[in-house]
Amino acid sequence: NGIDFVMPEEHYVGLFSSSVSADGSGTELKHKGYSRALVKMSVPINGYIENGHEVLFDYATSKWAEAIDIALFDSKKGGNLLFYGPLKEPTIIGAGKNASFVPGTISVEIVPRECDGD
C-alpha cells in the first residue's frame, strides 16, 4: 500500500485460549490478574526476531484457561496484531503462578512479501 512499516520497539504478548487468525479473531485470556506482558524483541538476525529478555506475566489470582496461541501487539490493550502463532505446548496457569518465557523462546520469522504495486 506504499506505506513504510516501522517495527515498534516494544511489543506486548497476549495469550489465547483459541487459535488466533490474521484478522485478530481468537479468544484472549480475560481472567482476573491477566494482562499482556511487555517484551522487547531483538533486531532481525537471519530473518528472525526473538525476545532478548525474560517475559513475565502478572501472577494469576485464579486459574487461567488453557493457553494454546500467542500473539504480539503494539499496545498493552487493543492495538494492532503484529504476529501470532501456536504455543509449542499448551499451558494452564494456576492461581498464584505466572506465565513466563525465557530469552529466545518467542521467535518470529520475518518473511518478505512481494507487493503488487498498489
Protein backbone atom coordinates (compact mmCIF):
# COMPACT_ATOMS: atom_id res chain seq x y z
CA ASN A 1 0.00 0.00 0.00
CA GLY A 2 3.05 2.24 -0.25
CA ILE A 3 3.31 2.91 3.50
CA ASP A 4 6.59 2.01 5.18
CA PHE A 5 6.20 -0.22 8.22
CA VAL A 6 8.18 0.80 11.28
CA MET A 7 8.69 -2.01 13.79
CA PRO A 8 7.71 -0.83 17.28
CA GLU A 9 10.47 -1.02 19.90
CA GLU A 10 8.11 -2.56 22.42
CA HIS A 11 5.67 -5.39 21.87
CA TYR A 12 3.08 -6.87 24.16
CA VAL A 13 2.49 -10.61 24.33
CA GLY A 14 -1.06 -11.91 24.61
CA LEU A 15 -2.10 -15.48 25.43
CA PHE A 16 -5.12 -17.02 23.71
CA SER A 17 -7.39 -19.96 24.56
CA SER A 18 -8.38 -20.35 20.89
CA SER A 19 -6.47 -20.08 17.63
CA VAL A 20 -5.63 -16.55 16.50
CA SER A 21 -6.38 -15.59 12.88
CA ALA A 22 -4.85 -12.90 10.67
CA ASP A 23 -7.91 -10.72 11.27
CA GLY A 24 -7.19 -10.75 15.01
CA SER A 25 -10.04 -13.04 15.92
CA GLY A 26 -9.42 -15.50 18.72
CA THR A 27 -10.14 -15.57 22.44
CA GLU A 28 -7.56 -13.77 24.53
CA LEU A 29 -7.42 -14.76 28.18
CA LYS A 30 -9.55 -12.46 30.35
CA HIS A 31 -9.03 -13.82 33.83
CA LYS A 32 -8.52 -11.75 36.93
CA GLY A 33 -4.82 -10.91 37.13
CA TYR A 34 -4.23 -11.38 33.38
CA SER A 35 -2.85 -8.65 31.15
CA ARG A 36 -0.48 -8.64 28.21
CA ALA A 37 3.21 -8.72 29.08
CA LEU A 38 5.85 -6.35 27.76
CA VAL A 39 8.50 -7.89 25.50
CA LYS A 40 11.41 -6.27 23.70
CA MET A 41 12.28 -8.14 20.53
CA SER A 42 15.76 -8.30 19.03
CA VAL A 43 16.79 -6.75 15.75
CA PRO A 44 16.30 -9.19 12.85
CA ILE A 45 19.10 -11.75 12.53
CA ASN A 46 18.97 -14.15 9.58
CA GLY A 47 15.29 -13.31 9.12
CA TYR A 48 14.22 -13.86 12.75
CA ILE A 49 13.45 -11.68 15.74
CA GLU A 50 13.19 -13.06 19.27
CA ASN A 51 12.73 -11.96 22.86
CA GLY A 52 16.07 -10.89 24.25
CA HIS A 53 14.92 -10.85 27.88
CA GLU A 54 12.66 -12.93 30.08
CA VAL A 55 8.98 -12.16 29.61
CA LEU A 56 6.94 -12.27 32.82
CA PHE A 57 3.18 -12.10 33.08
CA ASP A 58 1.47 -10.93 36.27
CA TYR A 59 0.61 -13.59 38.84
CA ALA A 60 -2.73 -15.29 38.29
CA THR A 61 -5.26 -14.60 41.04
CA SER A 62 -7.36 -17.51 39.76
CA LYS A 63 -6.73 -20.45 37.44
CA TRP A 64 -6.48 -19.30 33.80
CA ALA A 65 -7.93 -21.17 30.83
CA GLU A 66 -5.55 -23.27 28.76
CA ALA A 67 -3.43 -21.04 26.51
CA ILE A 68 -2.81 -22.54 23.07
CA ASP A 69 -1.77 -19.49 21.00
CA ILE A 70 0.41 -16.44 21.45
CA ALA A 71 0.22 -13.06 19.73
CA LEU A 72 2.33 -9.90 19.66
CA PHE A 73 0.68 -6.49 19.67
CA ASP A 74 1.89 -2.90 19.60
CA SER A 75 -0.21 -2.00 22.65
CA LYS A 76 -0.97 -3.38 26.11
CA LYS A 77 -4.71 -3.15 25.37
CA GLY A 78 -6.31 -3.23 21.93
CA GLY A 79 -3.73 -2.15 19.39
CA ASN A 80 -2.58 -3.85 16.22
CA LEU A 81 -1.94 -7.56 15.90
CA LEU A 82 1.60 -7.91 14.55
CA PHE A 83 2.45 -11.62 14.80
CA TYR A 84 0.70 -14.75 16.05
CA GLY A 85 1.05 -18.50 16.23
CA PRO A 86 0.60 -21.61 18.36
CA LEU A 87 2.49 -22.28 21.56
CA LYS A 88 4.78 -25.32 21.32
CA GLU A 89 3.00 -26.72 24.36
CA PRO A 90 -0.42 -25.54 25.55
CA THR A 91 -0.30 -24.43 29.17
CA ILE A 92 -2.61 -23.70 32.09
CA ILE A 93 -1.51 -21.17 34.69
CA GLY A 94 -2.80 -21.90 38.18
CA ALA A 95 -3.69 -19.40 40.87
CA GLY A 96 -0.58 -17.88 42.43
CA LYS A 97 1.57 -18.80 39.41
CA ASN A 98 2.69 -16.75 36.43
CA ALA A 99 3.45 -17.46 32.80
CA SER A 100 6.95 -16.65 31.58
CA PHE A 101 9.15 -17.04 28.53
CA VAL A 102 12.93 -17.31 28.87
CA PRO A 103 15.06 -15.34 26.40
CA GLY A 104 14.97 -16.69 22.87
CA THR A 105 11.76 -18.69 23.24
CA ILE A 106 9.50 -16.23 21.40
CA SER A 107 10.77 -16.33 17.84
CA VAL A 108 9.22 -14.77 14.75
CA GLU A 109 10.36 -15.36 11.19
CA ILE A 110 10.24 -12.20 9.11
CA VAL A 111 9.33 -13.21 5.56
CA PRO A 112 9.47 -10.55 2.84
CA ARG A 113 6.28 -10.29 0.83
CA GLU A 114 6.06 -9.22 -2.76
CA CYS A 115 3.95 -6.12 -3.25
CA ASP A 116 1.59 -5.83 -6.20
CA GLY A 117 2.37 -2.13 -6.57
CA ASP A 118 -0.86 -0.80 -5.02
